[in-house]
Amino acid sequence: MAKFMFLFRGSCENGPQKSPEEMQQMMQAWGAWIEEGTQAGWLLDAGDGLKSESKVLQPDFTITDGPYAESKEMVGGYCMVEAADLTAAAEIAKSMPDTGGAIEVRELSGHSMG
């Protein structure tokens, strides 16, 4: 089995505003998805949302405020799963509740430091 990272692209802040009832339904759907993945063993890390403020290390080793990517490309969160291959990981991604943006599915290289 290989490990995959799901990168949630796009900004929830720019999407349509949800009612409190819609927010509750969304949170319940996410909770159910996390529970399903945990019980089945394919969800390794449910991740979390990411704040928009960051620092960027440039190739010349200067540090700047960021991110500078267009908002449609902004990474807003992540999670990690285990699956047989990229196709199986993409199928798991399809089972997720609506994220309001794109989900990039990438296999981890398997290299570790230390």
PDB file of N, CA and C in Angstrom:
ATOM      1  N   MET A   1       0.843  -1.187   0.000  1.00  0.00           N
ATOM      2  CA  MET A   1       0.000   0.000   0.000  1.00  0.00           C
ATOM      3  C   MET A   1       0.884   1.244   0.000  1.00  0.00           C
ATOM      4  N   ALA A   2       0.448   2.243  -0.717  1.00  0.00           N
ATOM      5  CA  ALA A   2       1.184   3.505  -0.808  1.00  0.00           C
ATOM      6  C   ALA A   2       0.445   4.584  -0.029  1.00  0.00           C
ATOM      7  N   LYS A   3       1.163   5.640   0.316  1.00  0.00           N
ATOM      8  CA  LYS A   3       0.580   6.777   1.027  1.00  0.00           C
ATOM      9  C   LYS A   3       0.377   7.926   0.049  1.00  0.00           C
ATOM     10  N   PHE A   4      -0.750   8.617   0.220  1.00  0.00           N
ATOM     11  CA  PHE A   4      -1.116   9.718  -0.657  1.00  0.00           C
ATOM     12  C   PHE A   4      -1.542  10.922   0.168  1.00  0.00           C
ATOM     13  N   MET A   5      -1.250  12.102  -0.354  1.00  0.00           N
ATOM     14  CA  MET A   5      -1.695  13.339   0.263  1.00  0.00           C
ATOM     15  C   MET A   5      -2.761  13.951  -0.631  1.00  0.00           C
ATOM     16  N   PHE A   6      -3.853  14.358  -0.014  1.00  0.00           N
ATOM     17  CA  PHE A   6      -4.884  15.117  -0.710  1.00  0.00           C
ATOM     18  C   PHE A   6      -4.654  16.584  -0.356  1.00  0.00           C
ATOM     19  N   LEU A   7      -4.456  17.403  -1.361  1.00  0.00           N
ATOM     20  CA  LEU A   7      -4.289  18.848  -1.168  1.00  0.00           C
ATOM     21  C   LEU A   7      -5.583  19.514  -1.610  1.00  0.00           C
ATOM     22  N   PHE A   8      -6.217  20.226  -0.689  1.00  0.00           N
ATOM     23  CA  PHE A   8      -7.473  20.898  -0.991  1.00  0.00           C
ATOM     24  C   PHE A   8      -7.149  22.266  -1.557  1.00  0.00           C
ATOM     25  N   ARG A   9      -7.434  22.451  -2.837  1.00  0.00           N
ATOM     26  CA  ARG A   9      -7.097  23.690  -3.534  1.00  0.00           C
ATOM     27  C   ARG A   9      -8.321  24.571  -3.674  1.00  0.00           C
ATOM     28  N   GLY A  10      -8.109  25.851  -3.528  1.00  0.00           N
ATOM     29  CA  GLY A  10      -9.195  26.820  -3.626  1.00  0.00           C
ATOM     30  C   GLY A  10      -9.505  27.347  -2.245  1.00  0.00           C
ATOM     31  N   SER A  11     -10.109  28.477  -2.191  1.00  0.00           N
ATOM     32  CA  SER A  11     -10.366  29.133  -0.911  1.00  0.00           C
ATOM     33  C   SER A  11     -11.829  29.022  -0.530  1.00  0.00           C
ATOM     34  N   CYS A  12     -12.084  28.435   0.619  1.00  0.00           N
ATOM     35  CA  CYS A  12     -13.455  28.372   1.126  1.00  0.00           C
ATOM     36  C   CYS A  12     -13.980  29.759   1.440  1.00  0.00           C
ATOM     37  N   GLU A  13     -13.069  30.687   1.760  1.00  0.00           N
ATOM     38  CA  GLU A  13     -13.479  32.037   2.137  1.00  0.00           C
ATOM     39  C   GLU A  13     -14.162  32.766   0.990  1.00  0.00           C
ATOM     40  N   ASN A  14     -13.828  32.396  -0.255  1.00  0.00           N
ATOM     41  CA  ASN A  14     -14.397  33.090  -1.409  1.00  0.00           C
ATOM     42  C   ASN A  14     -15.651  32.417  -1.936  1.00  0.00           C
ATOM     43  N   GLY A  15     -16.036  31.281  -1.362  1.00  0.00           N
ATOM     44  CA  GLY A  15     -17.198  30.553  -1.837  1.00  0.00           C
ATOM     45  C   GLY A  15     -18.490  31.136  -1.297  1.00  0.00           C
ATOM     46  N   PRO A  16     -19.599  30.537  -1.724  1.00  0.00           N
ATOM     47  CA  PRO A  16     -20.891  31.021  -1.230  1.00  0.00           C
ATOM     48  C   PRO A  16     -21.017  30.774   0.273  1.00  0.00           C
ATOM     49  N   GLN A  17     -21.648  31.707   0.962  1.00  0.00           N
ATOM     50  CA  GLN A  17     -21.840  31.577   2.407  1.00  0.00           C
ATOM     51  C   GLN A  17     -22.915  30.530   2.675  1.00  0.00           C
ATOM     52  N   LYS A  18     -22.677  29.693   3.672  1.00  0.00           N
ATOM     53  CA  LYS A  18     -23.622  28.645   4.021  1.00  0.00           C
ATOM     54  C   LYS A  18     -24.409  29.057   5.263  1.00  0.00           C
ATOM     55  N   SER A  19     -25.634  28.572   5.326  1.00  0.00           N
ATOM     56  CA  SER A  19     -26.456  28.819   6.510  1.00  0.00           C
ATOM     57  C   SER A  19     -25.920  27.969   7.660  1.00  0.00           C
ATOM     58  N   PRO A  20     -26.294  28.284   8.892  1.00  0.00           N
ATOM     59  CA  PRO A  20     -25.855  27.450  10.020  1.00  0.00           C
ATOM     60  C   PRO A  20     -26.267  25.983   9.856  1.00  0.00           C
ATOM     61  N   GLU A  21     -27.451  25.748   9.293  1.00  0.00           N
ATOM     62  CA  GLU A  21     -27.908  24.374   9.072  1.00  0.00           C
ATOM     63  C   GLU A  21     -27.037  23.669   8.036  1.00  0.00           C
ATOM     64  N   GLU A  22     -26.689  24.375   6.958  1.00  0.00           N
ATOM     65  CA  GLU A  22     -25.818  23.794   5.933  1.00  0.00           C
ATOM     66  C   GLU A  22     -24.427  23.511   6.488  1.00  0.00           C
ATOM     67  N   MET A  23     -23.933  24.419   7.332  1.00  0.00           N
ATOM     68  CA  MET A  23     -22.624  24.207   7.960  1.00  0.00           C
ATOM     69  C   MET A  23     -22.656  22.973   8.859  1.00  0.00           C
ATOM     70  N   GLN A  24     -23.731  22.804   9.621  1.00  0.00           N
ATOM     71  CA  GLN A  24     -23.860  21.644  10.497  1.00  0.00           C
ATOM     72  C   GLN A  24     -23.911  20.356   9.673  1.00  0.00           C
ATOM     73  N   GLN A  25     -24.658  20.365   8.587  1.00  0.00           N
ATOM     74  CA  GLN A  25     -24.730  19.186   7.715  1.00  0.00           C
ATOM     75  C   GLN A  25     -23.360  18.863   7.128  1.00  0.00           C
ATOM     76  N   MET A  26     -22.628  19.899   6.720  1.00  0.00           N
ATOM     77  CA  MET A  26     -21.309  19.697   6.150  1.00  0.00           C
ATOM     78  C   MET A  26     -20.362  19.095   7.196  1.00  0.00           C
ATOM     79  N   MET A  27     -20.398  19.621   8.411  1.00  0.00           N
ATOM     80  CA  MET A  27     -19.531  19.097   9.471  1.00  0.00           C
ATOM     81  C   MET A  27     -19.888  17.650   9.811  1.00  0.00           C
ATOM     82  N   GLN A  28     -21.176  17.318   9.797  1.00  0.00           N
ATOM     83  CA  GLN A  28     -21.596  15.940  10.051  1.00  0.00           C
ATOM     84  C   GLN A  28     -21.106  15.012   8.935  1.00  0.00           C
ATOM     85  N   ALA A  29     -21.174  15.478   7.690  1.00  0.00           N
ATOM     86  CA  ALA A  29     -20.697  14.668   6.566  1.00  0.00           C
ATOM     87  C   ALA A  29     -19.196  14.437   6.668  1.00  0.00           C
ATOM     88  N   TRP A  30     -18.443  15.475   7.041  1.00  0.00           N
ATOM     89  CA  TRP A  30     -16.998  15.321   7.216  1.00  0.00           C
ATOM     90  C   TRP A  30     -16.688  14.366   8.360  1.00  0.00           C
ATOM     91  N   GLY A  31     -17.420  14.497   9.464  1.00  0.00           N
ATOM     92  CA  GLY A  31     -17.215  13.600  10.599  1.00  0.00           C
ATOM     93  C   GLY A  31     -17.466  12.154  10.217  1.00  0.00           C
ATOM     94  N   ALA A  32     -18.517  11.911   9.445  1.00  0.00           N
ATOM     95  CA  ALA A  32     -18.841  10.552   8.996  1.00  0.00           C
ATOM     96  C   ALA A  32     -17.752  10.023   8.069  1.00  0.00           C
ATOM     97  N   TRP A  33     -17.246  10.880   7.170  1.00  0.00           N
ATOM     98  CA  TRP A  33     -16.187  10.457   6.245  1.00  0.00           C
ATOM     99  C   TRP A  33     -14.916  10.116   7.020  1.00  0.00           C
ATOM    100  N   ILE A  34     -14.561  10.933   7.993  1.00  0.00           N
ATOM    101  CA  ILE A  34     -13.370  10.677   8.811  1.00  0.00           C
ATOM    102  C   ILE A  34     -13.544   9.381   9.599  1.00  0.00           C
ATOM    103  N   GLU A  35     -14.708   9.178  10.177  1.00  0.00           N
ATOM    104  CA  GLU A  35     -14.979   7.953  10.935  1.00  0.00           C
ATOM    105  C   GLU A  35     -14.876   6.723  10.024  1.00  0.00           C
ATOM    106  N   GLU A  36     -15.464   6.807   8.830  1.00  0.00           N
ATOM    107  CA  GLU A  36     -15.403   5.699   7.866  1.00  0.00           C
ATOM    108  C   GLU A  36     -13.950   5.362   7.524  1.00  0.00           C
ATOM    109  N   GLY A  37     -13.160   6.395   7.219  1.00  0.00           N
ATOM    110  CA  GLY A  37     -11.764   6.173   6.847  1.00  0.00           C
ATOM    111  C   GLY A  37     -10.924   5.628   7.984  1.00  0.00           C
ATOM    112  N   THR A  38     -11.203   6.100   9.190  1.00  0.00           N
ATOM    113  CA  THR A  38     -10.471   5.629  10.366  1.00  0.00           C
ATOM    114  C   THR A  38     -10.798   4.163  10.637  1.00  0.00           C
ATOM    115  N   GLN A  39     -12.084   3.820  10.586  1.00  0.00           N
ATOM    116  CA  GLN A  39     -12.509   2.442  10.828  1.00  0.00           C
ATOM    117  C   GLN A  39     -11.971   1.488   9.756  1.00  0.00           C
ATOM    118  N   ALA A  40     -11.971   1.939   8.494  1.00  0.00           N
ATOM    119  CA  ALA A  40     -11.498   1.095   7.386  1.00  0.00           C
ATOM    120  C   ALA A  40      -9.974   1.030   7.329  1.00  0.00           C
ATOM    121  N   GLY A  41      -9.300   1.991   7.972  1.00  0.00           N
ATOM    122  CA  GLY A  41      -7.849   1.976   8.026  1.00  0.00           C
ATOM    123  C   GLY A  41      -7.138   2.712   6.908  1.00  0.00           C
ATOM    124  N   TRP A  42      -7.879   3.309   5.972  1.00  0.00           N
ATOM    125  CA  TRP A  42      -7.195   4.020   4.881  1.00  0.00           C
ATOM    126  C   TRP A  42      -6.917   5.485   5.199  1.00  0.00           C
ATOM    127  N   LEU A  43      -7.576   6.051   6.201  1.00  0.00           N
ATOM    128  CA  LEU A  43      -7.313   7.441   6.571  1.00  0.00           C
ATOM    129  C   LEU A  43      -6.184   7.475   7.595  1.00  0.00           C
ATOM    130  N   LEU A  44      -5.047   8.027   7.198  1.00  0.00           N
ATOM    131  CA  LEU A  44      -3.874   8.082   8.070  1.00  0.00           C
ATOM    132  C   LEU A  44      -3.825   9.361   8.888  1.00  0.00           C
ATOM    133  N   ASP A  45      -4.277  10.476   8.305  1.00  0.00           N
ATOM    134  CA  ASP A  45      -4.239  11.781   8.971  1.00  0.00           C
ATOM    135  C   ASP A  45      -5.354  12.622   8.371  1.00  0.00           C
ATOM    136  N   ALA A  46      -6.319  13.008   9.190  1.00  0.00           N
ATOM    137  CA  ALA A  46      -7.447  13.802   8.692  1.00  0.00           C
ATOM    138  C   ALA A  46      -7.038  15.226   8.361  1.00  0.00           C
ATOM    139  N   GLY A  47      -5.819  15.623   8.747  1.00  0.00           N
ATOM    140  CA  GLY A  47      -5.331  16.956   8.420  1.00  0.00           C
ATOM    141  C   GLY A  47      -6.158  18.024   9.082  1.00  0.00           C
ATOM    142  N   ASP A  48      -6.100  19.176   8.521  1.00  0.00           N
ATOM    143  CA  ASP A  48      -6.803  20.322   9.063  1.00  0.00           C
ATOM    144  C   ASP A  48      -6.756  21.417   8.009  1.00  0.00           C
ATOM    145  N   GLY A  49      -7.523  22.454   8.216  1.00  0.00           N
ATOM    146  CA  GLY A  49      -7.438  23.601   7.329  1.00  0.00           C
ATOM    147  C   GLY A  49      -6.156  24.365   7.593  1.00  0.00           C
ATOM    148  N   LEU A  50      -5.712  25.105   6.619  1.00  0.00           N
ATOM    149  CA  LEU A  50      -4.501  25.900   6.754  1.00  0.00           C
ATOM    150  C   LEU A  50      -4.867  27.377   6.778  1.00  0.00           C
ATOM    151  N   LYS A  51      -4.204  28.146   7.610  1.00  0.00           N
ATOM    152  CA  LYS A  51      -4.396  29.591   7.627  1.00  0.00           C
ATOM    153  C   LYS A  51      -3.770  30.181   6.370  1.00  0.00           C
ATOM    154  N   SER A  52      -4.234  31.343   5.961  1.00  0.00           N
ATOM    155  CA  SER A  52      -3.751  31.931   4.715  1.00  0.00           C
ATOM    156  C   SER A  52      -2.389  32.598   4.859  1.00  0.00           C
ATOM    157  N   GLU A  53      -2.019  33.022   6.066  1.00  0.00           N
ATOM    158  CA  GLU A  53      -0.729  33.682   6.266  1.00  0.00           C
ATOM    159  C   GLU A  53       0.394  32.651   6.204  1.00  0.00           C
ATOM    160  N   SER A  54       1.491  33.001   5.525  1.00  0.00           N
ATOM    161  CA  SER A  54       2.629  32.088   5.452  1.00  0.00           C
ATOM    162  C   SER A  54       3.905  32.862   5.168  1.00  0.00           C
ATOM    163  N   LYS A  55       5.005  32.178   5.213  1.00  0.00           N
ATOM    164  CA  LYS A  55       6.305  32.687   4.806  1.00  0.00           C
ATOM    165  C   LYS A  55       6.794  31.796   3.670  1.00  0.00           C
ATOM    166  N   VAL A  56       7.498  32.386   2.722  1.00  0.00           N
ATOM    167  CA  VAL A  56       8.002  31.641   1.571  1.00  0.00           C
ATOM    168  C   VAL A  56       9.517  31.758   1.549  1.00  0.00           C
ATOM    169  N   LEU A  57      10.196  30.633   1.549  1.00  0.00           N
ATOM    170  CA  LEU A  57      11.649  30.617   1.417  1.00  0.00           C
ATOM    171  C   LEU A  57      11.978  30.620  -0.072  1.00  0.00           C
ATOM    172  N   GLN A  58      12.629  31.674  -0.526  1.00  0.00           N
ATOM    173  CA  GLN A  58      12.978  31.829  -1.932  1.00  0.00           C
ATOM    174  C   GLN A  58      14.271  31.064  -2.246  1.00  0.00           C
ATOM    175  N   PRO A  59      14.539  30.797  -3.532  1.00  0.00           N
ATOM    176  CA  PRO A  59      15.764  30.067  -3.904  1.00  0.00           C
ATOM    177  C   PRO A  59      17.050  30.732  -3.413  1.00  0.00           C
ATOM    178  N   ASP A  60      17.016  32.068  -3.230  1.00  0.00           N
ATOM    179  CA  ASP A  60      18.219  32.761  -2.748  1.00  0.00           C
ATOM    180  C   ASP A  60      18.266  32.830  -1.221  1.00  0.00           C
ATOM    181  N   PHE A  61      17.404  32.063  -0.557  1.00  0.00           N
ATOM    182  CA  PHE A  61      17.322  31.944   0.893  1.00  0.00           C
ATOM    183  C   PHE A  61      16.752  33.184   1.591  1.00  0.00           C
ATOM    184  N   THR A  62      16.150  34.100   0.838  1.00  0.00           N
ATOM    185  CA  THR A  62      15.435  35.185   1.489  1.00  0.00           C
ATOM    186  C   THR A  62      14.047  34.659   1.868  1.00  0.00           C
ATOM    187  N   ILE A  63      13.491  35.244   2.900  1.00  0.00           N
ATOM    188  CA  ILE A  63      12.159  34.836   3.344  1.00  0.00           C
ATOM    189  C   ILE A  63      11.213  36.000   3.110  1.00  0.00           C
ATOM    190  N   THR A  64      10.096  35.713   2.453  1.00  0.00           N
ATOM    191  CA  THR A  64       9.105  36.730   2.134  1.00  0.00           C
ATOM    192  C   THR A  64       7.752  36.306   2.688  1.00  0.00           C
ATOM    193  N   ASP A  65       6.849  37.270   2.785  1.00  0.00           N
ATOM    194  CA  ASP A  65       5.484  36.946   3.168  1.00  0.00           C
ATOM    195  C   ASP A  65       4.811  36.277   1.980  1.00  0.00           C
ATOM    196  N   GLY A  66       3.847  35.432   2.246  1.00  0.00           N
ATOM    197  CA  GLY A  66       3.165  34.739   1.166  1.00  0.00           C
ATOM    198  C   GLY A  66       1.837  34.217   1.673  1.00  0.00           C
ATOM    199  N   PRO A  67       1.166  33.369   0.939  1.00  0.00           N
ATOM    200  CA  PRO A  67       1.578  32.844  -0.357  1.00  0.00           C
ATOM    201  C   PRO A  67       1.266  33.822  -1.483  1.00  0.00           C
ATOM    202  N   TYR A  68       1.921  33.621  -2.600  1.00  0.00           N
ATOM    203  CA  TYR A  68       1.694  34.481  -3.748  1.00  0.00           C
ATOM    204  C   TYR A  68       0.930  33.786  -4.859  1.00  0.00           C
ATOM    205  N   ALA A  69       0.604  32.521  -4.685  1.00  0.00           N
ATOM    206  CA  ALA A  69      -0.174  31.820  -5.707  1.00  0.00           C
ATOM    207  C   ALA A  69      -1.547  32.464  -5.825  1.00  0.00           C
ATOM    208  N   GLU A  70      -2.130  32.345  -7.007  1.00  0.00           N
ATOM    209  CA  GLU A  70      -3.478  32.867  -7.193  1.00  0.00           C
ATOM    210  C   GLU A  70      -4.416  32.135  -6.241  1.00  0.00           C
ATOM    211  N   SER A  71      -5.467  32.808  -5.817  1.00  0.00           N
ATOM    212  CA  SER A  71      -6.366  32.210  -4.829  1.00  0.00           C
ATOM    213  C   SER A  71      -6.963  30.901  -5.315  1.00  0.00           C
ATOM    214  N   LYS A  72      -7.172  30.748  -6.631  1.00  0.00           N
ATOM    215  CA  LYS A  72      -7.726  29.495  -7.131  1.00  0.00           C
ATOM    216  C   LYS A  72      -6.741  28.343  -6.961  1.00  0.00           C
ATOM    217  N   GLU A  73      -5.460  28.653  -6.750  1.00  0.00           N
ATOM    218  CA  GLU A  73      -4.450  27.622  -6.576  1.00  0.00           C
ATOM    219  C   GLU A  73      -4.050  27.457  -5.116  1.00  0.00           C
ATOM    220  N   MET A  74      -4.599  28.261  -4.223  1.00  0.00           N
ATOM    221  CA  MET A  74      -4.207  28.236  -2.819  1.00  0.00           C
ATOM    222  C   MET A  74      -4.535  26.885  -2.191  1.00  0.00           C
ATOM    223  N   VAL A  75      -3.585  26.358  -1.415  1.00  0.00           N
ATOM    224  CA  VAL A  75      -3.828  25.122  -0.685  1.00  0.00           C
ATOM    225  C   VAL A  75      -4.495  25.501   0.626  1.00  0.00           C
ATOM    226  N   GLY A  76      -5.711  25.023   0.827  1.00  0.00           N
ATOM    227  CA  GLY A  76      -6.465  25.383   2.013  1.00  0.00           C
ATOM    228  C   GLY A  76      -6.469  24.317   3.088  1.00  0.00           C
ATOM    229  N   GLY A  77      -6.029  23.110   2.762  1.00  0.00           N
ATOM    230  CA  GLY A  77      -6.010  22.020   3.726  1.00  0.00           C
ATOM    231  C   GLY A  77      -5.442  20.771   3.092  1.00  0.00           C
ATOM    232  N   TYR A  78      -5.397  19.702   3.878  1.00  0.00           N
ATOM    233  CA  TYR A  78      -4.818  18.450   3.402  1.00  0.00           C
ATOM    234  C   TYR A  78      -5.349  17.294   4.241  1.00  0.00           C
ATOM    235  N   CYS A  79      -5.154  16.098   3.758  1.00  0.00           N
ATOM    236  CA  CYS A  79      -5.273  14.887   4.566  1.00  0.00           C
ATOM    237  C   CYS A  79      -4.393  13.836   3.910  1.00  0.00           C
ATOM    238  N   MET A  80      -4.142  12.750   4.631  1.00  0.00           N
ATOM    239  CA  MET A  80      -3.295  11.682   4.105  1.00  0.00           C
ATOM    240  C   MET A  80      -4.042  10.361   4.188  1.00  0.00           C
ATOM    241  N   VAL A  81      -3.948   9.588   3.109  1.00  0.00           N
ATOM    242  CA  VAL A  81      -4.615   8.296   3.047  1.00  0.00           C
ATOM    243  C   VAL A  81      -3.634   7.227   2.570  1.00  0.00           C
ATOM    244  N   GLU A  82      -4.049   5.996   2.715  1.00  0.00           N
ATOM    245  CA  GLU A  82      -3.284   4.862   2.207  1.00  0.00           C
ATOM    246  C   GLU A  82      -4.171   4.143   1.205  1.00  0.00           C
ATOM    247  N   ALA A  83      -3.603   3.796   0.048  1.00  0.00           N
ATOM    248  CA  ALA A  83      -4.369   3.111  -0.998  1.00  0.00           C
ATOM    249  C   ALA A  83      -3.424   2.267  -1.840  1.00  0.00           C
ATOM    250  N   ALA A  84      -3.994   1.367  -2.616  1.00  0.00           N
ATOM    251  CA  ALA A  84      -3.198   0.463  -3.444  1.00  0.00           C
ATOM    252  C   ALA A  84      -2.428   1.210  -4.526  1.00  0.00           C
ATOM    253  N   ASP A  85      -3.044   2.241  -5.109  1.00  0.00           N
ATOM    254  CA  ASP A  85      -2.392   2.993  -6.185  1.00  0.00           C
ATOM    255  C   ASP A  85      -3.094   4.343  -6.347  1.00  0.00           C
ATOM    256  N   LEU A  86      -2.616   5.133  -7.289  1.00  0.00           N
ATOM    257  CA  LEU A  86      -3.151   6.476  -7.510  1.00  0.00           C
ATOM    258  C   LEU A  86      -4.633   6.443  -7.870  1.00  0.00           C
ATOM    259  N   THR A  87      -5.038   5.479  -8.677  1.00  0.00           N
ATOM    260  CA  THR A  87      -6.445   5.374  -9.071  1.00  0.00           C
ATOM    261  C   THR A  87      -7.323   5.101  -7.859  1.00  0.00           C
ATOM    262  N   ALA A  88      -6.889   4.196  -6.994  1.00  0.00           N
ATOM    263  CA  ALA A  88      -7.659   3.886  -5.782  1.00  0.00           C
ATOM    264  C   ALA A  88      -7.719   5.101  -4.861  1.00  0.00           C
ATOM    265  N   ALA A  89      -6.621   5.847  -4.755  1.00  0.00           N
ATOM    266  CA  ALA A  89      -6.610   7.056  -3.928  1.00  0.00           C
ATOM    267  C   ALA A  89      -7.578   8.095  -4.489  1.00  0.00           C
ATOM    268  N   ALA A  90      -7.620   8.240  -5.804  1.00  0.00           N
ATOM    269  CA  ALA A  90      -8.547   9.190  -6.435  1.00  0.00           C
ATOM    270  C   ALA A  90      -9.992   8.788  -6.169  1.00  0.00           C
ATOM    271  N   GLU A  91     -10.268   7.489  -6.129  1.00  0.00           N
ATOM    272  CA  GLU A  91     -11.622   7.028  -5.808  1.00  0.00           C
ATOM    273  C   GLU A  91     -11.986   7.379  -4.369  1.00  0.00           C
ATOM    274  N   ILE A  92     -11.021   7.279  -3.458  1.00  0.00           N
ATOM    275  CA  ILE A  92     -11.282   7.698  -2.076  1.00  0.00           C
ATOM    276  C   ILE A  92     -11.602   9.191  -2.058  1.00  0.00           C
ATOM    277  N   ALA A  93     -10.842   9.974  -2.808  1.00  0.00           N
ATOM    278  CA  ALA A  93     -11.087  11.420  -2.865  1.00  0.00           C
ATOM    279  C   ALA A  93     -12.506  11.711  -3.360  1.00  0.00           C
ATOM    280  N   LYS A  94     -13.001  10.910  -4.294  1.00  0.00           N
ATOM    281  CA  LYS A  94     -14.357  11.106  -4.814  1.00  0.00           C
ATOM    282  C   LYS A  94     -15.416  10.872  -3.749  1.00  0.00           C
ATOM    283  N   SER A  95     -15.073  10.124  -2.710  1.00  0.00           N
ATOM    284  CA  SER A  95     -16.053   9.832  -1.660  1.00  0.00           C
ATOM    285  C   SER A  95     -16.142  10.937  -0.610  1.00  0.00           C
ATOM    286  N   MET A  96     -15.276  11.952  -0.714  1.00  0.00           N
ATOM    287  CA  MET A  96     -15.243  13.030   0.277  1.00  0.00           C
ATOM    288  C   MET A  96     -16.454  13.943   0.151  1.00  0.00           C
ATOM    289  N   PRO A  97     -16.852  14.552   1.259  1.00  0.00           N
ATOM    290  CA  PRO A  97     -17.866  15.613   1.158  1.00  0.00           C
ATOM    291  C   PRO A  97     -17.312  16.757   0.304  1.00  0.00           C
ATOM    292  N   ASP A  98     -18.192  17.586  -0.201  1.00  0.00           N
ATOM    293  CA  ASP A  98     -17.804  18.705  -1.064  1.00  0.00           C
ATOM    294  C   ASP A  98     -16.822  19.628  -0.349  1.00  0.00           C
ATOM    295  N   THR A  99     -15.683  19.879  -0.981  1.00  0.00           N
ATOM    296  CA  THR A  99     -14.688  20.776  -0.400  1.00  0.00           C
ATOM    297  C   THR A  99     -14.835  22.203  -0.912  1.00  0.00           C
ATOM    298  N   GLY A 100     -15.622  22.407  -1.956  1.00  0.00           N
ATOM    299  CA  GLY A 100     -15.766  23.734  -2.533  1.00  0.00           C
ATOM    300  C   GLY A 100     -14.626  24.093  -3.469  1.00  0.00           C
ATOM    301  N   GLY A 101     -13.730  23.151  -3.718  1.00  0.00           N
ATOM    302  CA  GLY A 101     -12.589  23.390  -4.608  1.00  0.00           C
ATOM    303  C   GLY A 101     -12.064  22.071  -5.145  1.00  0.00           C
ATOM    304  N   ALA A 102     -10.944  22.144  -5.810  1.00  0.00           N
ATOM    305  CA  ALA A 102     -10.324  20.955  -6.390  1.00  0.00           C
ATOM    306  C   ALA A 102      -9.542  20.196  -5.320  1.00  0.00           C
ATOM    307  N   ILE A 103      -9.368  18.899  -5.535  1.00  0.00           N
ATOM    308  CA  ILE A 103      -8.566  18.067  -4.648  1.00  0.00           C
ATOM    309  C   ILE A 103      -7.447  17.466  -5.491  1.00  0.00           C
ATOM    310  N   GLU A 104      -6.215  17.807  -5.154  1.00  0.00           N
ATOM    311  CA  GLU A 104      -5.054  17.227  -5.835  1.00  0.00           C
ATOM    312  C   GLU A 104      -4.630  15.996  -5.050  1.00  0.00           C
ATOM    313  N   VAL A 105      -4.475  14.867  -5.749  1.00  0.00           N
ATOM    314  CA  VAL A 105      -4.084  13.611  -5.124  1.00  0.00           C
ATOM    315  C   VAL A 105      -2.660  13.301  -5.558  1.00  0.00           C
ATOM    316  N   ARG A 106      -1.735  13.220  -4.574  1.00  0.00           N
ATOM    317  CA  ARG A 106      -0.326  12.986  -4.897  1.00  0.00           C
ATOM    318  C   ARG A 106       0.238  11.894  -4.016  1.00  0.00           C
ATOM    319  N   GLU A 107       0.969  10.976  -4.638  1.00  0.00           N
ATOM    320  CA  GLU A 107       1.621   9.907  -3.885  1.00  0.00           C
ATOM    321  C   GLU A 107       2.873  10.441  -3.211  1.00  0.00           C
ATOM    322  N   LEU A 108       3.096  10.028  -1.969  1.00  0.00           N
ATOM    323  CA  LEU A 108       4.327  10.375  -1.271  1.00  0.00           C
ATOM    324  C   LEU A 108       5.444   9.484  -1.800  1.00  0.00           C
ATOM    325  N   SER A 109       6.628  10.024  -1.888  1.00  0.00           N
ATOM    326  CA  SER A 109       7.727   9.296  -2.514  1.00  0.00           C
ATOM    327  C   SER A 109       8.225   8.119  -1.689  1.00  0.00           C
ATOM    328  N   GLY A 110       7.948   8.110  -0.405  1.00  0.00           N
ATOM    329  CA  GLY A 110       8.390   7.010   0.422  1.00  0.00           C
ATOM    330  C   GLY A 110       9.746   7.250   1.050  1.00  0.00           C
ATOM    331  N   HIS A 111      10.406   8.340   0.677  1.00  0.00           N
ATOM    332  CA  HIS A 111      11.683   8.681   1.290  1.00  0.00           C
ATOM    333  C   HIS A 111      11.431   9.293   2.642  1.00  0.00           C
ATOM    334  N   SER A 112      12.254   8.963   3.600  1.00  0.00           N
ATOM    335  CA  SER A 112      12.126   9.585   4.903  1.00  0.00           C
ATOM    336  C   SER A 112      13.481  10.153   5.309  1.00  0.00           C
ATOM    337  N   MET A 113      13.414  11.145   6.155  1.00  0.00           N
ATOM    338  CA  MET A 113      14.658  11.756   6.641  1.00  0.00           C
ATOM    339  C   MET A 113      14.909  11.226   8.047  1.00  0.00           C
ATOM    340  N   GLY A 114      16.077  10.675   8.257  1.00  0.00           N
ATOM    341  CA  GLY A 114      16.439  10.208   9.576  1.00  0.00           C
ATOM    342  C   GLY A 114      16.041   8.839   9.742  1.00  0.00           C
TER     343      GLY A 114
END
